Amino acid sequence: MLDRIRTWRARRIVARRPIAEPLWQDALRRCAPARRLGASDQAALRVLATLFLERKSLEPAQGLELDDADRVLLAAYACLPILKLGLDWYEGWHSIIVYPDAFIPRRTHTDEAGVVHETRSIMAGEAWGRGPVILSWADVLEAGRQPGHNVVIHEMAHKLDMLNGEANGFPPLHRRMDRRTWTRVFSRAWERLRADRRHGLPLPIDPYGLENPAEFFAVVSEHFFEDPASLREHLPEVYGQLEQFYRQHPY
């Protein structure tokens, strides 16, 4: 019964507040991963983006203005990872805060000696456990201009990763996926790339992915959608695991 009610509500939202055709065509023009989808998947993504815009609050900050085309583009990027999973995978949080450019959050931590330290790092995006996603609009617009770069997909991957606790590169796997295989594939790839970096060898992904397993999952997720051919060539086993998790075949 609950599923039927949800389906009815979703259909009503899509019927009453559809994304206008010119706005959707503009999003496809600006979003290469969506443009590569088949017609039926593009239609499904359009429905998801419509529901996403209904359920999530997009909150520009520091004087930034987002028009309807910007909002549709952001929703399209955000919904790519859940195209085959469904919007329920984004339950538990409600807002995306968008700054005009990179932002500098102020954080404090106390070391073992009881000394309080303050850190300020420049960031393009951030995802809080059950809180908002925070994005730099300037970085959103950079999607695809560097191979595999997409800050929206990166932060949404963190959100998926955190569904079963803290982000650690181990999102909730589907029933037929093997946890040991996932761990082996990602651990070996991460360690191999860390060794390559130590030896000065070129890397097939953004080096930021080697900071920790959570960042590795987020970065390879960016590449999976934005630069799938390269990811499949250089990290075929990782690509295969992401195919199973996202239930998509972008290459």
C-alpha atoms as a PDB file:
ATOM      1  CA  MET A   1       0.000   0.000   0.000  1.00  0.00           C
ATOM      2  CA  LEU A   2       2.777   2.453   0.946  1.00  0.00           C
ATOM      3  CA  ASP A   3       4.566   1.820  -2.367  1.00  0.00           C
ATOM      4  CA  ARG A   4       1.353   2.505  -4.279  1.00  0.00           C
ATOM      5  CA  ILE A   5       0.845   5.787  -2.404  1.00  0.00           C
ATOM      6  CA  ARG A   6       4.413   6.847  -3.151  1.00  0.00           C
ATOM      7  CA  THR A   7       3.988   5.964  -6.820  1.00  0.00           C
ATOM      8  CA  TRP A   8       0.747   7.936  -7.016  1.00  0.00           C
ATOM      9  CA  ARG A   9       2.352  10.978  -5.388  1.00  0.00           C
ATOM     10  CA  ALA A  10       5.369  10.784  -7.687  1.00  0.00           C
ATOM     11  CA  ARG A  11       3.175  10.614 -10.785  1.00  0.00           C
ATOM     12  CA  ARG A  12       1.136  13.558  -9.552  1.00  0.00           C
ATOM     13  CA  ILE A  13       4.261  15.673  -9.001  1.00  0.00           C
ATOM     14  CA  VAL A  14       5.651  14.812 -12.433  1.00  0.00           C
ATOM     15  CA  ALA A  15       2.299  15.579 -14.063  1.00  0.00           C
ATOM     16  CA  ARG A  16       1.765  18.869 -12.233  1.00  0.00           C
ATOM     17  CA  ARG A  17       5.314  20.246 -12.212  1.00  0.00           C
ATOM     18  CA  PRO A  18       7.208  18.679 -15.123  1.00  0.00           C
ATOM     19  CA  ILE A  19      10.582  19.992 -16.213  1.00  0.00           C
ATOM     20  CA  ALA A  20       9.909  22.092 -19.289  1.00  0.00           C
ATOM     21  CA  GLU A  21      11.311  20.667 -22.514  1.00  0.00           C
ATOM     22  CA  PRO A  22      13.673  23.613 -23.223  1.00  0.00           C
ATOM     23  CA  LEU A  23      15.117  23.340 -19.698  1.00  0.00           C
ATOM     24  CA  TRP A  24      15.637  19.597 -20.066  1.00  0.00           C
ATOM     25  CA  GLN A  25      17.292  19.948 -23.455  1.00  0.00           C
ATOM     26  CA  ASP A  26      19.592  22.599 -21.978  1.00  0.00           C
ATOM     27  CA  ALA A  27      20.520  20.199 -19.147  1.00  0.00           C
ATOM     28  CA  LEU A  28      21.335  17.448 -21.652  1.00  0.00           C
ATOM     29  CA  ARG A  29      23.488  19.840 -23.632  1.00  0.00           C
ATOM     30  CA  ARG A  30      25.468  20.775 -20.510  1.00  0.00           C
ATOM     31  CA  CYS A  31      25.585  17.314 -18.899  1.00  0.00           C
ATOM     32  CA  ALA A  32      27.616  14.881 -21.001  1.00  0.00           C
ATOM     33  CA  PRO A  33      26.893  11.729 -18.913  1.00  0.00           C
ATOM     34  CA  ALA A  34      23.145  12.324 -19.286  1.00  0.00           C
ATOM     35  CA  ARG A  35      23.534  13.017 -22.993  1.00  0.00           C
ATOM     36  CA  ARG A  36      25.160   9.599 -23.463  1.00  0.00           C
ATOM     37  CA  LEU A  37      22.162   7.771 -21.977  1.00  0.00           C
ATOM     38  CA  GLY A  38      19.600   6.012 -24.126  1.00  0.00           C
ATOM     39  CA  ALA A  39      16.185   7.597 -24.596  1.00  0.00           C
ATOM     40  CA  SER A  40      14.441   5.522 -21.907  1.00  0.00           C
ATOM     41  CA  ASP A  41      17.164   6.252 -19.338  1.00  0.00           C
ATOM     42  CA  GLN A  42      17.049   9.959 -20.183  1.00  0.00           C
ATOM     43  CA  ALA A  43      13.301   9.890 -19.557  1.00  0.00           C
ATOM     44  CA  ALA A  44      13.827   8.126 -16.224  1.00  0.00           C
ATOM     45  CA  LEU A  45      16.501  10.648 -15.245  1.00  0.00           C
ATOM     46  CA  ARG A  46      14.096  13.473 -16.094  1.00  0.00           C
ATOM     47  CA  VAL A  47      11.489  12.001 -13.741  1.00  0.00           C
ATOM     48  CA  LEU A  48      14.063  11.581 -10.972  1.00  0.00           C
ATOM     49  CA  ALA A  49      15.305  15.147 -11.445  1.00  0.00           C
ATOM     50  CA  THR A  50      11.716  16.410 -11.217  1.00  0.00           C
ATOM     51  CA  LEU A  51      11.149  14.573  -7.932  1.00  0.00           C
ATOM     52  CA  PHE A  52      14.566  15.644  -6.645  1.00  0.00           C
ATOM     53  CA  LEU A  53      13.704  19.304  -7.189  1.00  0.00           C
ATOM     54  CA  GLU A  54      10.415  18.750  -5.359  1.00  0.00           C
ATOM     55  CA  ARG A  55      11.956  17.014  -2.334  1.00  0.00           C
ATOM     56  CA  LYS A  56      15.274  18.802  -1.931  1.00  0.00           C
ATOM     57  CA  SER A  57      15.872  22.458  -1.193  1.00  0.00           C
ATOM     58  CA  LEU A  58      18.522  24.135  -3.368  1.00  0.00           C
ATOM     59  CA  GLU A  59      19.815  27.066  -1.336  1.00  0.00           C
ATOM     60  CA  PRO A  60      22.125  29.595  -3.038  1.00  0.00           C
ATOM     61  CA  ALA A  61      24.406  31.474  -0.606  1.00  0.00           C
ATOM     62  CA  GLN A  62      26.491  34.641  -0.588  1.00  0.00           C
ATOM     63  CA  GLY A  63      24.433  36.368  -3.255  1.00  0.00           C
ATOM     64  CA  LEU A  64      24.525  33.540  -5.784  1.00  0.00           C
ATOM     65  CA  GLU A  65      21.481  33.309  -8.037  1.00  0.00           C
ATOM     66  CA  LEU A  66      20.438  30.043  -9.671  1.00  0.00           C
ATOM     67  CA  ASP A  67      17.896  30.183 -12.464  1.00  0.00           C
ATOM     68  CA  ASP A  68      15.601  27.329 -13.459  1.00  0.00           C
ATOM     69  CA  ALA A  69      18.124  25.978 -15.984  1.00  0.00           C
ATOM     70  CA  ASP A  70      20.835  25.870 -13.313  1.00  0.00           C
ATOM     71  CA  ARG A  71      18.565  24.018 -10.914  1.00  0.00           C
ATOM     72  CA  VAL A  72      17.617  21.426 -13.514  1.00  0.00           C
ATOM     73  CA  LEU A  73      21.271  20.895 -14.409  1.00  0.00           C
ATOM     74  CA  LEU A  74      22.182  20.401 -10.751  1.00  0.00           C
ATOM     75  CA  ALA A  75      19.330  17.941 -10.290  1.00  0.00           C
ATOM     76  CA  ALA A  76      20.383  15.980 -13.376  1.00  0.00           C
ATOM     77  CA  TYR A  77      23.943  15.629 -12.098  1.00  0.00           C
ATOM     78  CA  ALA A  78      22.730  14.669  -8.631  1.00  0.00           C
ATOM     79  CA  CYS A  79      20.378  11.988  -9.920  1.00  0.00           C
ATOM     80  CA  LEU A  80      22.830  10.243 -12.251  1.00  0.00           C
ATOM     81  CA  PRO A  81      24.217   7.975  -9.485  1.00  0.00           C
ATOM     82  CA  ILE A  82      20.720   6.873  -8.421  1.00  0.00           C
ATOM     83  CA  LEU A  83      19.264   6.442 -11.903  1.00  0.00           C
ATOM     84  CA  LYS A  84      18.862   2.688 -11.330  1.00  0.00           C
ATOM     85  CA  LEU A  85      18.653   2.874  -7.531  1.00  0.00           C
ATOM     86  CA  GLY A  86      15.822   5.306  -6.899  1.00  0.00           C
ATOM     87  CA  LEU A  87      15.353   8.517  -4.934  1.00  0.00           C
ATOM     88  CA  ASP A  88      14.935   6.653  -1.640  1.00  0.00           C
ATOM     89  CA  TRP A  89      18.747   6.288  -1.630  1.00  0.00           C
ATOM     90  CA  TYR A  90      18.834  10.034  -0.907  1.00  0.00           C
ATOM     91  CA  GLU A  91      16.478   9.873   2.074  1.00  0.00           C
ATOM     92  CA  GLY A  92      17.463  11.461   5.382  1.00  0.00           C
ATOM     93  CA  TRP A  93      18.678  14.857   4.178  1.00  0.00           C
ATOM     94  CA  HIS A  94      16.945  17.794   2.586  1.00  0.00           C
ATOM     95  CA  SER A  95      19.143  20.575   1.272  1.00  0.00           C
ATOM     96  CA  ILE A  96      21.985  21.502  -1.045  1.00  0.00           C
ATOM     97  CA  ILE A  97      23.753  24.740  -0.173  1.00  0.00           C
ATOM     98  CA  VAL A  98      25.496  26.311  -3.151  1.00  0.00           C
ATOM     99  CA  TYR A  99      28.244  28.914  -2.803  1.00  0.00           C
ATOM    100  CA  PRO A 100      29.409  30.985  -5.772  1.00  0.00           C
ATOM    101  CA  ASP A 101      32.951  29.630  -5.509  1.00  0.00           C
ATOM    102  CA  ALA A 102      35.168  27.460  -3.334  1.00  0.00           C
ATOM    103  CA  PHE A 103      34.435  27.918   0.370  1.00  0.00           C
ATOM    104  CA  ILE A 104      36.526  27.761   3.534  1.00  0.00           C
ATOM    105  CA  PRO A 105      34.792  26.118   6.507  1.00  0.00           C
ATOM    106  CA  ARG A 106      36.276  26.754   9.934  1.00  0.00           C
ATOM    107  CA  ARG A 107      36.776  23.640  12.048  1.00  0.00           C
ATOM    108  CA  THR A 108      38.309  22.925  15.431  1.00  0.00           C
ATOM    109  CA  HIS A 109      39.652  19.717  16.901  1.00  0.00           C
ATOM    110  CA  THR A 110      41.318  18.807  20.163  1.00  0.00           C
ATOM    111  CA  ASP A 111      44.508  16.757  20.113  1.00  0.00           C
ATOM    112  CA  GLU A 112      45.558  14.110  22.636  1.00  0.00           C
ATOM    113  CA  ALA A 113      47.216  16.768  24.784  1.00  0.00           C
ATOM    114  CA  GLY A 114      43.972  18.711  25.023  1.00  0.00           C
ATOM    115  CA  VAL A 115      45.143  21.509  22.732  1.00  0.00           C
ATOM    116  CA  VAL A 116      42.431  22.952  20.478  1.00  0.00           C
ATOM    117  CA  HIS A 117      43.442  23.492  16.843  1.00  0.00           C
ATOM    118  CA  GLU A 118      41.570  25.415  14.159  1.00  0.00           C
ATOM    119  CA  THR A 119      41.762  24.402  10.507  1.00  0.00           C
ATOM    120  CA  ARG A 120      40.586  26.264   7.413  1.00  0.00           C
ATOM    121  CA  SER A 121      40.761  24.417   4.074  1.00  0.00           C
ATOM    122  CA  ILE A 122      39.540  25.541   0.672  1.00  0.00           C
ATOM    123  CA  MET A 123      36.818  23.162  -0.510  1.00  0.00           C
ATOM    124  CA  ALA A 124      34.784  22.615  -3.667  1.00  0.00           C
ATOM    125  CA  GLY A 125      32.224  20.395  -1.997  1.00  0.00           C
ATOM    126  CA  GLU A 126      31.263  18.713   1.231  1.00  0.00           C
ATOM    127  CA  ALA A 127      28.663  16.170   2.351  1.00  0.00           C
ATOM    128  CA  TRP A 128      27.478  15.896   5.949  1.00  0.00           C
ATOM    129  CA  GLY A 129      26.194  12.614   7.360  1.00  0.00           C
ATOM    130  CA  ARG A 130      22.511  13.467   7.749  1.00  0.00           C
ATOM    131  CA  GLY A 131      22.946  17.115   6.943  1.00  0.00           C
ATOM    132  CA  PRO A 132      23.249  19.083   3.724  1.00  0.00           C
ATOM    133  CA  VAL A 133      25.442  18.771   0.694  1.00  0.00           C
ATOM    134  CA  ILE A 134      27.531  21.910   0.133  1.00  0.00           C
ATOM    135  CA  LEU A 135      28.820  22.803  -3.327  1.00  0.00           C
ATOM    136  CA  SER A 136      30.839  25.442  -5.113  1.00  0.00           C
ATOM    137  CA  TRP A 137      28.870  26.528  -8.181  1.00  0.00           C
ATOM    138  CA  ALA A 138      32.071  27.458 -10.008  1.00  0.00           C
ATOM    139  CA  ASP A 139      33.232  23.863  -9.566  1.00  0.00           C
ATOM    140  CA  VAL A 140      29.855  22.467 -10.612  1.00  0.00           C
ATOM    141  CA  LEU A 141      30.303  24.304 -13.909  1.00  0.00           C
ATOM    142  CA  GLU A 142      33.749  22.722 -14.334  1.00  0.00           C
ATOM    143  CA  ALA A 143      32.204  19.239 -14.653  1.00  0.00           C
ATOM    144  CA  GLY A 144      33.788  17.324 -17.499  1.00  0.00           C
ATOM    145  CA  ARG A 145      36.345  19.993 -18.381  1.00  0.00           C
ATOM    146  CA  GLN A 146      38.978  17.877 -16.674  1.00  0.00           C
ATOM    147  CA  PRO A 147      38.787  14.100 -17.267  1.00  0.00           C
ATOM    148  CA  GLY A 148      36.559  12.507 -14.671  1.00  0.00           C
ATOM    149  CA  HIS A 149      35.813  15.699 -12.734  1.00  0.00           C
ATOM    150  CA  ASN A 150      32.306  16.203 -11.318  1.00  0.00           C
ATOM    151  CA  VAL A 151      31.936  17.657  -7.830  1.00  0.00           C
ATOM    152  CA  VAL A 152      28.194  16.904  -7.667  1.00  0.00           C
ATOM    153  CA  ILE A 153      28.676  13.195  -8.367  1.00  0.00           C
ATOM    154  CA  HIS A 154      31.607  13.180  -5.921  1.00  0.00           C
ATOM    155  CA  GLU A 155      29.515  14.499  -3.044  1.00  0.00           C
ATOM    156  CA  MET A 156      26.513  12.321  -3.911  1.00  0.00           C
ATOM    157  CA  ALA A 157      28.818   9.293  -3.819  1.00  0.00           C
ATOM    158  CA  HIS A 158      29.766  10.327  -0.288  1.00  0.00           C
ATOM    159  CA  LYS A 159      26.062  10.478   0.583  1.00  0.00           C
ATOM    160  CA  LEU A 160      25.582   6.925  -0.692  1.00  0.00           C
ATOM    161  CA  ASP A 161      28.717   5.814   1.154  1.00  0.00           C
ATOM    162  CA  MET A 162      27.334   7.215   4.430  1.00  0.00           C
ATOM    163  CA  LEU A 163      24.062   5.299   4.265  1.00  0.00           C
ATOM    164  CA  ASN A 164      25.541   2.592   6.492  1.00  0.00           C
ATOM    165  CA  GLY A 165      27.639   4.831   8.754  1.00  0.00           C
ATOM    166  CA  GLU A 166      30.666   7.057   8.286  1.00  0.00           C
ATOM    167  CA  ALA A 167      32.092   7.436   4.797  1.00  0.00           C
ATOM    168  CA  ASN A 168      34.689   4.679   4.379  1.00  0.00           C
ATOM    169  CA  GLY A 169      34.472   3.650   0.729  1.00  0.00           C
ATOM    170  CA  PHE A 170      32.010   0.848   1.520  1.00  0.00           C
ATOM    171  CA  PRO A 171      28.418   1.811   0.600  1.00  0.00           C
ATOM    172  CA  PRO A 172      25.521  -0.579   1.207  1.00  0.00           C
ATOM    173  CA  LEU A 173      25.998  -3.319  -1.367  1.00  0.00           C
ATOM    174  CA  HIS A 174      23.169  -5.089  -3.167  1.00  0.00           C
ATOM    175  CA  ARG A 175      22.177  -8.573  -2.131  1.00  0.00           C
ATOM    176  CA  ARG A 176      24.070 -10.394  -4.864  1.00  0.00           C
ATOM    177  CA  MET A 177      27.267  -8.384  -4.450  1.00  0.00           C
ATOM    178  CA  ASP A 178      30.111  -9.960  -2.494  1.00  0.00           C
ATOM    179  CA  ARG A 179      31.584  -7.827   0.306  1.00  0.00           C
ATOM    180  CA  ARG A 180      34.923  -9.633   0.192  1.00  0.00           C
ATOM    181  CA  THR A 181      35.271  -9.046  -3.538  1.00  0.00           C
ATOM    182  CA  TRP A 182      34.479  -5.341  -3.140  1.00  0.00           C
ATOM    183  CA  THR A 183      37.058  -5.004  -0.361  1.00  0.00           C
ATOM    184  CA  ARG A 184      39.731  -6.894  -2.299  1.00  0.00           C
ATOM    185  CA  VAL A 185      39.218  -4.995  -5.547  1.00  0.00           C
ATOM    186  CA  PHE A 186      39.149  -1.519  -4.014  1.00  0.00           C
ATOM    187  CA  SER A 187      41.966  -2.173  -1.535  1.00  0.00           C
ATOM    188  CA  ARG A 188      44.315  -3.562  -4.195  1.00  0.00           C
ATOM    189  CA  ALA A 189      43.585  -0.744  -6.621  1.00  0.00           C
ATOM    190  CA  TRP A 190      44.079   1.911  -3.939  1.00  0.00           C
ATOM    191  CA  GLU A 191      47.351   0.437  -2.734  1.00  0.00           C
ATOM    192  CA  ARG A 192      48.662   0.000  -6.292  1.00  0.00           C
ATOM    193  CA  LEU A 193      47.933   3.610  -7.174  1.00  0.00           C
ATOM    194  CA  ARG A 194      49.523   4.821  -3.953  1.00  0.00           C
ATOM    195  CA  ALA A 195      52.660   2.882  -4.908  1.00  0.00           C
ATOM    196  CA  ASP A 196      52.553   4.370  -8.412  1.00  0.00           C
ATOM    197  CA  ARG A 197      52.367   7.861  -6.938  1.00  0.00           C
ATOM    198  CA  ARG A 198      55.345   7.188  -4.675  1.00  0.00           C
ATOM    199  CA  HIS A 199      57.343   6.158  -7.741  1.00  0.00           C
ATOM    200  CA  GLY A 200      56.297   9.228  -9.703  1.00  0.00           C
ATOM    201  CA  LEU A 201      54.176   7.330 -12.213  1.00  0.00           C
ATOM    202  CA  PRO A 202      51.180   8.989 -13.917  1.00  0.00           C
ATOM    203  CA  LEU A 203      47.821   8.260 -12.325  1.00  0.00           C
ATOM    204  CA  PRO A 204      44.580   7.497 -14.202  1.00  0.00           C
ATOM    205  CA  ILE A 205      42.466   9.299 -11.572  1.00  0.00           C
ATOM    206  CA  ASP A 206      42.618  12.502  -9.536  1.00  0.00           C
ATOM    207  CA  PRO A 207      45.322  11.993  -6.857  1.00  0.00           C
ATOM    208  CA  TYR A 208      42.845  13.297  -4.268  1.00  0.00           C
ATOM    209  CA  GLY A 209      41.261   9.858  -4.441  1.00  0.00           C
ATOM    210  CA  LEU A 210      44.300   8.451  -2.642  1.00  0.00           C
ATOM    211  CA  GLU A 211      43.673  10.494   0.503  1.00  0.00           C
ATOM    212  CA  ASN A 212      41.569   7.711   2.048  1.00  0.00           C
ATOM    213  CA  PRO A 213      39.147   4.943   0.962  1.00  0.00           C
ATOM    214  CA  ALA A 214      36.120   7.256   1.138  1.00  0.00           C
ATOM    215  CA  GLU A 215      37.698   9.727  -1.273  1.00  0.00           C
ATOM    216  CA  PHE A 216      38.803   6.879  -3.518  1.00  0.00           C
ATOM    217  CA  PHE A 217      35.218   5.648  -3.872  1.00  0.00           C
ATOM    218  CA  ALA A 218      33.968   9.180  -4.580  1.00  0.00           C
ATOM    219  CA  VAL A 219      36.685   9.927  -7.144  1.00  0.00           C
ATOM    220  CA  VAL A 220      36.305   6.666  -9.059  1.00  0.00           C
ATOM    221  CA  SER A 221      32.545   7.288  -9.049  1.00  0.00           C
ATOM    222  CA  GLU A 222      33.207  10.617 -10.779  1.00  0.00           C
ATOM    223  CA  HIS A 223      35.301   8.819 -13.391  1.00  0.00           C
ATOM    224  CA  PHE A 224      32.690   6.065 -13.772  1.00  0.00           C
ATOM    225  CA  PHE A 225      30.137   8.596 -15.009  1.00  0.00           C
ATOM    226  CA  GLU A 226      32.326  11.272 -16.594  1.00  0.00           C
ATOM    227  CA  ASP A 227      35.198   9.244 -18.085  1.00  0.00           C
ATOM    228  CA  PRO A 228      34.083   5.599 -18.090  1.00  0.00           C
ATOM    229  CA  ALA A 229      36.322   4.423 -20.949  1.00  0.00           C
ATOM    230  CA  SER A 230      39.477   5.470 -19.126  1.00  0.00           C
ATOM    231  CA  LEU A 231      38.343   3.953 -15.821  1.00  0.00           C
ATOM    232  CA  ARG A 232      37.496   0.670 -17.499  1.00  0.00           C
ATOM    233  CA  GLU A 233      40.875   0.628 -19.258  1.00  0.00           C
ATOM    234  CA  HIS A 234      43.017   1.394 -16.222  1.00  0.00           C
ATOM    235  CA  LEU A 235      40.952  -0.028 -13.333  1.00  0.00           C
ATOM    236  CA  PRO A 236      38.747  -2.693 -14.937  1.00  0.00           C
ATOM    237  CA  GLU A 237      37.903  -4.520 -11.701  1.00  0.00           C
ATOM    238  CA  VAL A 238      36.908  -1.289  -9.968  1.00  0.00           C
ATOM    239  CA  TYR A 239      34.814  -0.392 -12.987  1.00  0.00           C
ATOM    240  CA  GLY A 240      33.117  -3.796 -12.763  1.00  0.00           C
ATOM    241  CA  GLN A 241      32.228  -3.337  -9.101  1.00  0.00           C
ATOM    242  CA  LEU A 242      30.802   0.110  -9.797  1.00  0.00           C
ATOM    243  CA  GLU A 243      28.752  -1.337 -12.645  1.00  0.00           C
ATOM    244  CA  GLN A 244      27.190  -3.733 -10.164  1.00  0.00           C
ATOM    245  CA  PHE A 245      26.654  -1.097  -7.477  1.00  0.00           C
ATOM    246  CA  TYR A 246      25.208   1.665  -9.660  1.00  0.00           C
ATOM    247  CA  ARG A 247      23.518  -0.903 -11.953  1.00  0.00           C
ATOM    248  CA  GLN A 248      24.635   1.130 -14.946  1.00  0.00           C
ATOM    249  CA  HIS A 249      26.920   0.529 -17.911  1.00  0.00           C
ATOM    250  CA  PRO A 250      28.146   3.963 -19.033  1.00  0.00           C
ATOM    251  CA  TYR A 251      30.783   2.470 -21.338  1.00  0.00           C
END
